[in-house]
Amino acid sequence: MRLLRLFRILAIVWRYRLDEIVVTSLRNAALVRLVDLTSFGAPREPRGVRLRRALEDLGPIFVKFGQVLSTRRDLLPPDMADELARLQDRVPPFDSDIAMREIERGLGRPIDAVFSSFEREPVASASIAQVHFAVLKNGPRAGEDVAVKVLRPNMLQAIEKDLSLLETGAMLIEKLWRDGKRLRPRAVVTEFDKYLHDELDLMREAANASQLRRNFAGSDIFVVPEMHFDYCSENVLVMQRMTGIPISKMDRLLEAGIDFKKLSRDGVTIFFTQVFDHAFFHADMHPGNILVGTQGDQFNKYIGLDFGIVGTLNESDKNYLAQNFLAFFQHDYKRIAELHIESGWVPDDTRVDELENAVRACCEPVFDKPLKDISLGQVLMRLFQASRRFNVEVQPQLVLLQKTLLNIEGLGRQLDPELDLWKTAKPLLERWMENQIGWRGMEVRLKQEAMQWSYLLPQLPRLVHAALTRHRDADRLIDEVRLLRSEQRVTNRWYAAATLLLLVVVALAGWAMWHR
């Protein structure tokens, strides 16, 4: 079966003449000549269009991979990245009888025992799962409207087959492509593998949603549906049913009286709050996963859906971002270059002044424009292009951050072309940087560590002794310490004897003078 799948992939590659894209990127001249000999005629469509159509023909997994690639402008030329951004995860729904059997298998109960009503026709369908509306039957939530998400059957086997082929392709790219090693395609596929497997566990998605809901409890800009964990399993997720208009339906939003300017600003605020305050963010906020509330207390608020992919930042990532943002706002391009070298993103022998000049060429034109016209996406793209010269290694852990920021920026510009991204984000960044690297940040971290110190401090003598005894020269060190202590005791005795003798002499002299 895997061999047949490989033949199908090769047939689609040939049909859309993707060999022409490959030839221009090969590092081996002999291979270039060989492929040229087997190519016939020039392709009729632009290469980006051909690549997008090929991925659509290859199926849902390759479509998702193309969506990930579209955010990696360090990997692809702009024309190809722009075309891949048009990929849509549109998949016909699977049979409702199969869906109901999968739901019953996941819940361990018949449909009728859980729901008083269940809509057989799905309201949404994607490559991984589809969604049905229902009403809960029993318990304190009886009569509540819910949405039931169910995985497509046999997805794991299909994913494993295609992922193995992607891994093979990544290995070939790394060996044959000029930029292959620097761009770490195998690391990209590994990250993609992780995201896909995370999406196949709906309990993980429910936990992600629950964390986001807790982070935004009481928020006046972002709503996350409640998860009903009693009805969730690995392949079934039951959550609060949300009512709203897809954010891409601009005409309907206008009719509903939605304030587009507020919505665009709120989107930026949501992103920066998730990333810098929570270090936990919804990493798949494309228009298909966002509704806008039109009723009650949800009016004019974002409603998040589909929480299979989330991103996190560790303290090192946050510190790196803080210093880069600070240097960027201060036009300190030398510091940005130094940060890249200190973090290991570029080789140690990279000249700081050359990297500084490249960063300046990318960033300085930005500050000549009004803030509302600054596109962070364009800045990132130019930085990625400049990175080729300095062999900058792509950092997979920041891919989701870049992807989400580009999504939010594009969405905000669509809602309000006059959106001033920096004016909206700057107060949030300044507050965060003060908390992160200023005196307030030090105070917060001292308080956070205080409980740990109260536990560790009494153990320090024992821990120091244990560390010394584990040291390879511990015996020698301990012997030397003992010798020093012994010598010190001998020296102290001599001091004591000398002092006593001096006192005796002084006393005798005094006694002799007294009896004259």
Protein backbone atom coordinates (compact mmCIF):
# COMPACT_ATOMS: atom_id res chain seq x y z
CA MET A 1 0.00 0.00 0.00
CA ARG A 2 2.85 2.38 0.82
CA LEU A 3 4.43 1.68 -2.56
CA LEU A 4 1.14 2.47 -4.32
CA ARG A 5 0.89 5.72 -2.36
CA LEU A 6 4.43 6.63 -3.40
CA PHE A 7 3.60 5.99 -7.05
CA ARG A 8 0.52 8.20 -6.74
CA ILE A 9 2.63 11.00 -5.24
CA LEU A 10 5.17 10.72 -8.05
CA ALA A 11 2.37 10.77 -10.64
CA ILE A 12 0.94 13.98 -9.16
CA VAL A 13 4.43 15.52 -8.99
CA TRP A 14 4.83 14.77 -12.70
CA ARG A 15 1.31 15.96 -13.61
CA TYR A 16 1.92 19.39 -12.08
CA ARG A 17 5.53 19.53 -13.27
CA LEU A 18 6.94 20.03 -9.79
CA ASP A 19 10.21 18.67 -11.17
CA GLU A 20 10.85 22.21 -12.46
CA ILE A 21 10.72 23.51 -8.87
CA VAL A 22 13.06 20.77 -7.68
CA VAL A 23 15.64 21.35 -10.43
CA THR A 24 16.16 25.00 -9.49
CA SER A 25 16.98 24.03 -5.91
CA LEU A 26 19.32 21.04 -6.35
CA ARG A 27 22.88 21.47 -5.16
CA ASN A 28 24.36 18.75 -7.39
CA ALA A 29 25.01 19.93 -10.98
CA ALA A 30 25.02 16.35 -12.36
CA LEU A 31 21.56 15.73 -10.89
CA VAL A 32 20.35 19.01 -12.39
CA ARG A 33 21.47 17.92 -15.87
CA LEU A 34 19.89 14.48 -15.39
CA VAL A 35 16.51 15.92 -14.39
CA ASP A 36 16.69 18.43 -17.23
CA LEU A 37 17.05 15.58 -19.71
CA THR A 38 13.83 13.97 -18.42
CA SER A 39 11.75 17.18 -18.50
CA PHE A 40 9.60 17.99 -21.51
CA GLY A 41 8.28 21.46 -22.21
CA ALA A 42 7.67 24.39 -19.95
CA PRO A 43 4.84 24.28 -17.36
CA ARG A 44 1.84 26.43 -18.18
CA GLU A 45 0.89 27.67 -14.70
CA PRO A 46 2.97 29.55 -12.11
CA ARG A 47 4.89 27.25 -9.80
CA GLY A 48 2.99 28.34 -6.68
CA VAL A 49 -0.35 27.45 -8.26
CA ARG A 50 0.98 24.07 -9.36
CA LEU A 51 2.32 23.30 -5.89
CA ARG A 52 -0.99 24.25 -4.24
CA ARG A 53 -3.06 22.15 -6.63
CA ALA A 54 -0.73 19.17 -6.19
CA LEU A 55 -1.08 19.28 -2.41
CA GLU A 56 -4.86 19.52 -2.72
CA ASP A 57 -4.86 16.40 -4.91
CA LEU A 58 -2.61 14.53 -2.49
CA GLY A 59 -5.15 14.80 0.31
CA PRO A 60 -5.85 16.32 3.75
CA ILE A 61 -2.48 15.58 5.38
CA PHE A 62 -0.56 17.24 2.57
CA VAL A 63 -2.99 20.17 2.62
CA LYS A 64 -2.25 20.66 6.32
CA PHE A 65 1.47 20.41 5.63
CA GLY A 66 1.10 23.06 2.93
CA GLN A 67 -0.70 25.32 5.39
CA VAL A 68 2.23 24.98 7.80
CA LEU A 69 4.72 25.65 5.00
CA SER A 70 2.83 28.79 3.99
CA THR A 71 3.88 30.38 7.29
CA ARG A 72 7.54 29.48 6.79
CA ARG A 73 8.73 32.22 4.48
CA ASP A 74 12.27 31.27 5.34
CA LEU A 75 11.66 28.01 3.47
CA LEU A 76 9.81 29.22 0.38
CA PRO A 77 9.94 32.13 -2.05
CA PRO A 78 7.15 34.69 -1.53
CA ASP A 79 5.12 33.62 -4.59
CA MET A 80 4.91 30.03 -3.38
CA ALA A 81 4.21 30.98 0.24
CA ASP A 82 1.40 33.34 -0.84
CA GLU A 83 -0.21 30.64 -2.96
CA LEU A 84 0.01 28.01 -0.22
CA ALA A 85 -1.71 30.45 2.14
CA ARG A 86 -4.82 29.96 -0.03
CA LEU A 87 -5.05 26.28 0.90
CA GLN A 88 -8.37 25.51 2.54
CA ASP A 89 -9.05 22.44 4.66
CA ARG A 90 -12.33 21.63 2.90
CA VAL A 91 -13.20 17.93 3.12
CA PRO A 92 -16.60 16.30 2.49
CA PRO A 93 -18.19 14.87 5.66
CA PHE A 94 -18.08 11.15 6.27
CA ASP A 95 -21.17 8.99 6.69
CA SER A 96 -23.36 9.98 9.66
CA ASP A 97 -23.98 6.34 10.63
CA ILE A 98 -20.22 5.85 10.96
CA ALA A 99 -19.96 9.09 12.95
CA MET A 100 -22.66 7.94 15.37
CA ARG A 101 -20.96 4.56 15.84
CA GLU A 102 -17.67 6.34 16.59
CA ILE A 103 -19.42 8.60 19.12
CA GLU A 104 -21.02 5.62 20.86
CA ARG A 105 -17.67 3.83 20.94
CA GLY A 106 -15.96 6.87 22.46
CA LEU A 107 -18.68 7.52 25.09
CA GLY A 108 -19.28 3.85 25.83
CA ARG A 109 -23.04 4.46 25.66
CA PRO A 110 -25.77 4.63 23.00
CA ILE A 111 -26.49 8.03 21.45
CA ASP A 112 -30.03 8.00 22.86
CA ALA A 113 -28.71 7.47 26.40
CA VAL A 114 -26.63 10.66 26.28
CA PHE A 115 -28.52 13.07 24.04
CA SER A 116 -32.23 13.90 23.93
CA SER A 117 -31.74 15.01 20.32
CA PHE A 118 -28.89 14.58 17.87
CA GLU A 119 -28.56 16.17 14.43
CA ARG A 120 -27.38 13.55 11.96
CA GLU A 121 -26.13 16.06 9.42
CA PRO A 122 -22.78 17.59 10.47
CA VAL A 123 -22.51 21.38 10.69
CA ALA A 124 -18.76 21.40 9.95
CA SER A 125 -16.29 18.99 8.43
CA ALA A 126 -12.49 19.02 8.17
CA SER A 127 -9.70 16.58 7.46
CA ILE A 128 -9.41 15.31 11.04
CA ALA A 129 -12.95 15.49 12.43
CA GLN A 130 -16.51 16.72 11.95
CA VAL A 131 -19.05 18.37 14.26
CA HIS A 132 -22.70 17.61 15.03
CA PHE A 133 -25.14 19.58 17.18
CA ALA A 134 -27.01 17.84 20.02
CA VAL A 135 -28.86 18.39 23.31
CA LEU A 136 -27.78 16.73 26.56
CA LYS A 137 -30.33 14.38 28.10
CA ASN A 138 -29.39 13.73 31.74
CA GLY A 139 -27.80 15.29 34.80
CA PRO A 140 -27.57 18.92 35.91
CA ARG A 141 -26.88 19.98 32.30
CA ALA A 142 -29.96 18.29 30.86
CA GLY A 143 -31.44 20.34 28.02
CA GLU A 144 -28.19 22.19 27.28
CA ASP A 145 -27.22 22.69 23.63
CA VAL A 146 -23.83 21.18 22.82
CA ALA A 147 -21.51 20.59 19.89
CA VAL A 148 -20.14 17.07 19.43
CA LYS A 149 -16.81 16.70 17.66
CA VAL A 150 -15.86 13.22 16.43
CA LEU A 151 -12.64 12.04 14.79
CA ARG A 152 -12.68 10.44 11.38
CA PRO A 153 -12.13 6.68 11.73
CA ASN A 154 -8.74 5.12 10.88
CA MET A 155 -7.02 8.52 10.78
CA LEU A 156 -3.94 7.35 12.67
CA GLN A 157 -3.03 4.72 10.06
CA ALA A 158 -3.47 7.16 7.17
CA ILE A 159 -1.40 9.81 8.92
CA GLU A 160 1.43 7.42 9.76
CA LYS A 161 1.78 6.39 6.11
CA ASP A 162 1.94 9.93 4.78
CA LEU A 163 4.23 11.12 7.57
CA SER A 164 6.75 8.39 6.78
CA LEU A 165 6.80 9.60 3.18
CA LEU A 166 7.20 13.22 4.32
CA GLU A 167 10.12 12.21 6.54
CA THR A 168 11.80 10.51 3.58
CA GLY A 169 11.24 13.60 1.45
CA ALA A 170 12.65 15.85 4.19
CA MET A 171 15.79 13.71 4.39
CA LEU A 172 16.30 13.99 0.61
CA ILE A 173 15.74 17.75 0.71
CA GLU A 174 18.31 18.09 3.47
CA LYS A 175 20.88 16.19 1.41
CA LEU A 176 20.14 17.61 -2.05
CA TRP A 177 18.87 21.16 -1.54
CA ARG A 178 21.40 23.97 -1.22
CA ASP A 179 19.72 25.36 1.90
CA GLY A 180 18.55 21.97 3.15
CA LYS A 181 20.74 21.58 6.22
CA ARG A 182 20.27 25.14 7.45
CA LEU A 183 16.48 25.02 7.12
CA ARG A 184 16.20 21.75 9.04
CA PRO A 185 13.32 20.18 7.06
CA ARG A 186 13.36 17.05 9.18
CA ALA A 187 12.82 19.19 12.28
CA VAL A 188 9.88 20.86 10.52
CA VAL A 189 8.33 17.46 9.69
CA THR A 190 8.90 16.35 13.29
CA GLU A 191 7.02 19.42 14.53
CA PHE A 192 4.25 18.74 12.02
CA ASP A 193 4.11 15.13 13.24
CA LYS A 194 3.65 16.37 16.81
CA TYR A 195 0.86 18.78 15.86
CA LEU A 196 -1.03 16.12 13.93
CA HIS A 197 -0.83 13.57 16.73
CA ASP A 198 -1.93 16.22 19.22
CA GLU A 199 -5.00 16.89 17.05
CA LEU A 200 -5.84 13.18 17.08
CA ASP A 201 -6.34 13.24 20.88
CA LEU A 202 -9.53 15.16 21.61
CA MET A 203 -8.95 14.90 25.36
CA ARG A 204 -5.83 16.98 24.82
CA GLU A 205 -7.87 19.51 22.83
CA ALA A 206 -10.43 19.68 25.64
CA ALA A 207 -7.64 20.32 28.15
CA ASN A 208 -6.19 23.07 25.93
CA ALA A 209 -9.58 24.74 25.69
CA SER A 210 -10.11 24.50 29.45
CA GLN A 211 -6.75 26.22 30.08
CA LEU A 212 -7.56 29.02 27.62
CA ARG A 213 -11.02 29.46 29.16
CA ARG A 214 -9.46 29.79 32.62
CA ASN A 215 -6.87 32.28 31.32
CA PHE A 216 -9.62 34.48 29.83
CA ALA A 217 -12.19 34.07 32.60
CA GLY A 218 -14.19 37.29 32.79
CA SER A 219 -12.65 38.68 29.59
CA ASP A 220 -14.63 41.28 27.68
CA ILE A 221 -12.96 40.45 24.34
CA PHE A 222 -12.50 36.65 24.07
CA VAL A 223 -14.84 33.75 24.81
CA VAL A 224 -13.87 30.07 24.99
CA PRO A 225 -16.60 27.38 25.11
CA GLU A 226 -16.85 25.19 28.19
CA MET A 227 -15.72 21.58 27.83
CA HIS A 228 -17.95 18.81 29.24
CA PHE A 229 -15.26 16.37 30.36
CA ASP A 230 -17.80 13.75 31.48
CA TYR A 231 -18.60 13.28 27.78
CA CYS A 232 -15.10 13.56 26.33
CA SER A 233 -12.75 10.81 25.22
CA GLU A 234 -9.82 10.38 22.85
CA ASN A 235 -12.07 10.41 19.78
CA VAL A 236 -15.12 12.39 21.00
CA LEU A 237 -15.38 15.91 22.43
CA VAL A 238 -18.58 17.47 23.77
CA MET A 239 -18.56 21.20 24.45
CA GLN A 240 -20.83 24.18 24.95
CA ARG A 241 -22.54 25.16 21.72
CA MET A 242 -21.50 28.64 20.61
CA THR A 243 -23.58 31.01 18.50
CA GLY A 244 -22.00 33.59 16.26
CA ILE A 245 -21.03 34.65 12.76
CA PRO A 246 -17.79 33.43 11.13
CA ILE A 247 -15.34 36.31 11.17
CA SER A 248 -14.80 35.98 7.42
CA LYS A 249 -18.48 36.86 6.72
CA MET A 250 -17.93 40.61 6.64
CA ASP A 251 -21.35 41.49 5.19
CA ARG A 252 -23.23 39.58 7.89
CA LEU A 253 -21.09 41.13 10.61
CA LEU A 254 -21.81 44.59 9.25
CA GLU A 255 -25.54 43.88 9.26
CA ALA A 256 -25.28 42.69 12.89
CA GLY A 257 -23.75 46.04 13.92
CA ILE A 258 -20.28 44.72 14.75
CA ASP A 259 -17.60 47.36 15.41
CA PHE A 260 -14.78 46.32 13.05
CA LYS A 261 -12.21 48.74 14.47
CA LYS A 262 -12.72 47.43 18.01
CA LEU A 263 -12.65 43.86 16.76
CA SER A 264 -9.33 44.39 14.97
CA ARG A 265 -7.72 45.99 18.05
CA ASP A 266 -9.08 43.23 20.28
CA GLY A 267 -7.51 40.59 18.04
CA VAL A 268 -4.06 42.12 18.57
CA THR A 269 -4.68 42.39 22.31
CA ILE A 270 -5.76 38.74 22.51
CA PHE A 271 -2.61 37.60 20.73
CA PHE A 272 -0.14 39.57 22.84
CA THR A 273 -1.98 38.71 26.06
CA GLN A 274 -1.82 35.00 25.27
CA VAL A 275 1.82 35.07 24.25
CA PHE A 276 3.38 37.43 26.77
CA ASP A 277 1.11 37.20 29.82
CA HIS A 278 0.05 33.55 29.65
CA ALA A 279 2.86 32.04 27.51
CA PHE A 280 0.07 29.75 26.22
CA PHE A 281 -1.68 30.66 22.99
CA HIS A 282 -4.23 29.40 20.48
CA ALA A 283 -1.95 28.64 17.54
CA ASP A 284 -4.57 28.04 14.85
CA MET A 285 -6.53 31.28 14.81
CA HIS A 286 -7.39 31.38 11.12
CA PRO A 287 -10.83 32.75 10.11
CA GLY A 288 -12.38 29.26 10.02
CA ASN A 289 -11.77 28.86 13.76
CA ILE A 290 -13.18 32.21 14.90
CA LEU A 291 -16.76 33.34 15.39
CA VAL A 292 -17.96 36.78 16.46
CA GLY A 293 -20.68 36.91 19.08
CA THR A 294 -23.86 38.76 18.13
CA GLN A 295 -26.07 38.18 21.18
CA GLY A 296 -26.14 39.08 24.85
CA ASP A 297 -22.87 39.42 26.73
CA GLN A 298 -20.98 37.84 23.84
CA PHE A 299 -21.78 40.68 21.44
CA ASN A 300 -18.75 41.97 19.51
CA LYS A 301 -16.46 39.42 21.18
CA TYR A 302 -14.17 36.83 19.62
CA ILE A 303 -15.31 33.23 20.08
CA GLY A 304 -12.50 30.68 19.71
CA LEU A 305 -12.99 27.21 18.26
CA ASP A 306 -10.76 24.20 17.50
CA PHE A 307 -8.06 24.04 20.16
CA GLY A 308 -6.07 21.10 18.83
CA ILE A 309 -2.94 23.20 18.30
CA VAL A 310 -1.63 25.50 21.03
CA GLY A 311 1.78 27.05 21.51
CA THR A 312 3.86 27.65 24.61
CA LEU A 313 6.95 29.72 25.36
CA ASN A 314 9.55 28.93 27.99
CA GLU A 315 11.41 31.56 30.00
CA SER A 316 14.35 31.50 27.59
CA ASP A 317 12.08 32.20 24.60
CA LYS A 318 10.29 34.99 26.45
CA ASN A 319 13.54 36.61 27.53
CA TYR A 320 14.89 36.42 23.97
CA LEU A 321 11.70 38.01 22.59
CA ALA A 322 11.72 40.72 25.27
CA GLN A 323 15.27 41.80 24.49
CA ASN A 324 14.66 41.69 20.74
CA PHE A 325 11.52 43.82 20.99
CA LEU A 326 13.34 46.29 23.21
CA ALA A 327 16.28 46.50 20.80
CA PHE A 328 13.90 46.81 17.84
CA PHE A 329 12.03 49.78 19.34
CA GLN A 330 15.35 51.45 20.24
CA HIS A 331 16.80 50.85 16.74
CA ASP A 332 19.63 48.92 18.40
CA TYR A 333 20.45 46.60 15.51
CA LYS A 334 23.82 45.65 16.96
CA ARG A 335 22.08 44.21 20.02
CA ILE A 336 19.71 42.21 17.78
CA ALA A 337 22.73 40.76 15.95
CA GLU A 338 24.44 39.94 19.25
CA LEU A 339 21.30 38.20 20.52
CA HIS A 340 21.21 35.99 17.42
CA ILE A 341 24.83 34.98 17.98
CA GLU A 342 24.45 34.51 21.76
CA SER A 343 21.38 32.30 21.26
CA GLY A 344 23.26 30.05 18.83
CA TRP A 345 20.98 30.86 15.89
CA VAL A 346 23.99 31.71 13.74
CA PRO A 347 27.55 30.28 13.69
CA ASP A 348 29.92 31.60 16.34
CA ASP A 349 32.29 33.03 13.73
CA THR A 350 29.61 35.33 12.27
CA ARG A 351 30.76 38.95 12.18
CA VAL A 352 28.50 41.09 14.35
CA ASP A 353 28.90 44.16 12.14
CA GLU A 354 27.85 42.30 8.98
CA LEU A 355 24.78 40.80 10.66
CA GLU A 356 23.97 44.20 12.18
CA ASN A 357 24.03 45.82 8.72
CA ALA A 358 21.71 43.11 7.34
CA VAL A 359 19.22 43.59 10.20
CA ARG A 360 19.38 47.37 9.71
CA ALA A 361 18.59 46.99 6.00
CA CYS A 362 15.51 44.94 6.91
CA CYS A 363 14.19 47.05 9.79
CA GLU A 364 15.18 50.65 9.11
CA PRO A 365 12.78 51.16 6.16
CA VAL A 366 9.96 50.19 8.50
CA PHE A 367 10.50 53.24 10.70
CA ASP A 368 10.20 55.59 7.73
CA LYS A 369 6.51 54.66 7.43
CA PRO A 370 3.54 55.64 9.56
CA LEU A 371 3.01 53.09 12.30
CA LYS A 372 -0.32 52.05 10.83
CA ASP A 373 1.43 51.04 7.61
CA ILE A 374 4.00 48.80 9.31
CA SER A 375 3.55 45.13 8.45
CA LEU A 376 5.30 42.82 10.87
CA GLY A 377 4.72 40.04 8.34
CA GLN A 378 6.77 41.93 5.75
CA VAL A 379 9.54 42.58 8.29
CA LEU A 380 9.66 38.87 9.17
CA MET A 381 9.74 37.91 5.51
CA ARG A 382 12.69 40.22 4.78
CA LEU A 383 14.53 38.95 7.84
CA PHE A 384 14.00 35.36 6.69
CA GLN A 385 15.36 36.19 3.26
CA ALA A 386 18.40 37.91 4.76
CA SER A 387 18.97 34.95 7.06
CA ARG A 388 20.05 32.73 4.16
CA ARG A 389 23.33 34.61 3.84
CA PHE A 390 24.26 34.04 7.48
CA ASN A 391 23.11 30.39 7.75
CA VAL A 392 20.57 31.24 10.44
CA GLU A 393 19.09 28.02 11.79
CA VAL A 394 15.30 27.96 11.85
CA GLN A 395 13.88 27.60 15.38
CA PRO A 396 10.92 25.19 15.21
CA GLN A 397 9.64 26.21 18.65
CA LEU A 398 8.84 29.71 17.33
CA VAL A 399 7.07 28.58 14.15
CA LEU A 400 3.65 28.62 15.81
CA LEU A 401 4.29 32.08 17.22
CA GLN A 402 5.16 33.45 13.77
CA LYS A 403 2.18 31.67 12.19
CA THR A 404 -0.27 33.03 14.76
CA LEU A 405 1.09 36.57 14.58
CA LEU A 406 0.78 36.59 10.78
CA ASN A 407 -2.79 35.27 11.04
CA ILE A 408 -3.77 37.94 13.56
CA GLU A 409 -2.13 40.74 11.62
CA GLY A 410 -3.80 39.69 8.36
CA LEU A 411 -7.15 39.35 10.06
CA GLY A 412 -6.79 42.74 11.77
CA ARG A 413 -5.91 44.48 8.48
CA GLN A 414 -8.91 42.83 6.81
CA LEU A 415 -11.26 44.16 9.50
CA ASP A 416 -9.65 47.60 9.68
CA PRO A 417 -7.14 48.65 6.97
CA GLU A 418 -6.14 51.57 9.23
CA LEU A 419 -5.18 49.27 12.11
CA ASP A 420 -2.12 50.62 13.92
CA LEU A 421 -0.57 47.36 15.04
CA TRP A 422 2.23 48.93 17.05
CA LYS A 423 0.06 51.52 18.77
CA THR A 424 -2.23 48.72 19.92
CA ALA A 425 0.56 46.37 20.94
CA LYS A 426 3.11 48.80 22.41
CA PRO A 427 1.43 49.36 25.84
CA LEU A 428 1.09 45.60 26.26
CA LEU A 429 4.72 45.03 25.29
CA GLU A 430 6.01 47.83 27.53
CA ARG A 431 4.08 46.48 30.51
CA TRP A 432 5.29 42.96 29.82
CA MET A 433 8.91 44.00 29.36
CA GLU A 434 8.79 45.93 32.63
CA ASN A 435 7.42 42.84 34.36
CA GLN A 436 9.95 40.63 32.60
CA ILE A 437 13.27 42.49 32.79
CA GLY A 438 12.68 45.49 35.07
CA TRP A 439 12.63 45.89 38.87
CA ARG A 440 9.02 44.76 38.98
CA GLY A 441 10.02 41.58 37.15
CA MET A 442 12.76 40.95 39.70
CA GLU A 443 10.29 41.47 42.55
CA VAL A 444 7.80 39.05 40.99
CA ARG A 445 10.45 36.37 40.46
CA LEU A 446 11.78 36.81 44.00
CA LYS A 447 8.27 36.20 45.34
CA GLN A 448 7.85 33.19 43.07
CA GLU A 449 11.12 31.69 44.28
CA ALA A 450 10.59 32.51 47.98
CA MET A 451 8.61 29.33 48.71
CA GLN A 452 11.27 27.23 47.03
CA TRP A 453 14.03 28.98 49.01
CA SER A 454 12.29 28.25 52.31
CA TYR A 455 12.45 24.58 51.36
CA LEU A 456 16.01 24.55 49.99
CA LEU A 457 17.92 26.79 52.41
CA PRO A 458 17.84 24.39 55.41
CA GLN A 459 19.14 21.66 53.11
CA LEU A 460 22.10 23.62 51.74
CA PRO A 461 24.78 22.23 54.11
CA ARG A 462 23.71 18.67 53.35
CA LEU A 463 23.48 19.37 49.61
CA VAL A 464 26.95 20.99 49.56
CA HIS A 465 28.43 18.04 51.43
CA ALA A 466 26.72 15.59 49.07
CA ALA A 467 28.00 17.53 46.04
CA LEU A 468 31.55 17.45 47.38
CA THR A 469 31.44 13.73 48.06
CA ARG A 470 30.20 13.11 44.51
CA HIS A 471 33.03 15.12 43.02
CA ARG A 472 35.77 13.05 41.38
CA ASP A 473 38.39 14.76 43.56
CA ALA A 474 36.17 14.76 46.62
CA ASP A 475 38.42 12.50 48.69
CA ARG A 476 41.48 14.66 47.97
CA LEU A 477 39.53 17.83 48.72
CA ILE A 478 38.20 16.43 51.96
CA ASP A 479 41.70 15.29 53.01
CA GLU A 480 43.09 18.74 52.25
CA VAL A 481 40.31 20.35 54.28
CA ARG A 482 41.05 18.01 57.18
CA LEU A 483 44.81 18.76 56.94
CA LEU A 484 44.13 22.50 56.91
CA ARG A 485 41.87 22.15 59.93
CA SER A 486 44.54 20.10 61.73
CA GLU A 487 47.27 22.62 60.90
CA GLN A 488 44.97 25.41 62.01
CA ARG A 489 44.39 23.66 65.36
CA VAL A 490 48.19 23.28 65.87
CA THR A 491 48.73 26.94 64.99
CA ASN A 492 45.98 27.96 67.39
CA ARG A 493 47.67 25.93 70.20
CA TRP A 494 51.01 27.72 69.61
CA TYR A 495 49.22 31.07 69.64
CA ALA A 496 47.56 30.12 72.91
CA ALA A 497 50.88 28.95 74.47
CA ALA A 498 52.72 32.07 73.35
CA THR A 499 49.97 34.25 74.73
CA LEU A 500 50.04 32.38 78.06
CA LEU A 501 53.87 32.65 78.24
CA LEU A 502 53.66 36.36 77.54
CA LEU A 503 51.12 36.78 80.30
CA VAL A 504 53.37 34.88 82.74
CA VAL A 505 56.39 37.04 81.84
CA VAL A 506 54.36 40.21 82.27
CA ALA A 507 53.04 38.96 85.61
CA LEU A 508 56.52 38.06 86.91
CA ALA A 509 57.90 41.42 85.81
CA GLY A 510 55.11 43.17 87.57
CA TRP A 511 55.59 41.11 90.73
CA ALA A 512 59.36 41.87 90.75
CA MET A 513 58.75 45.59 90.39
CA TRP A 514 56.16 45.51 93.17
CA HIS A 515 58.60 43.95 95.70
CA ARG A 516 61.51 46.33 95.16
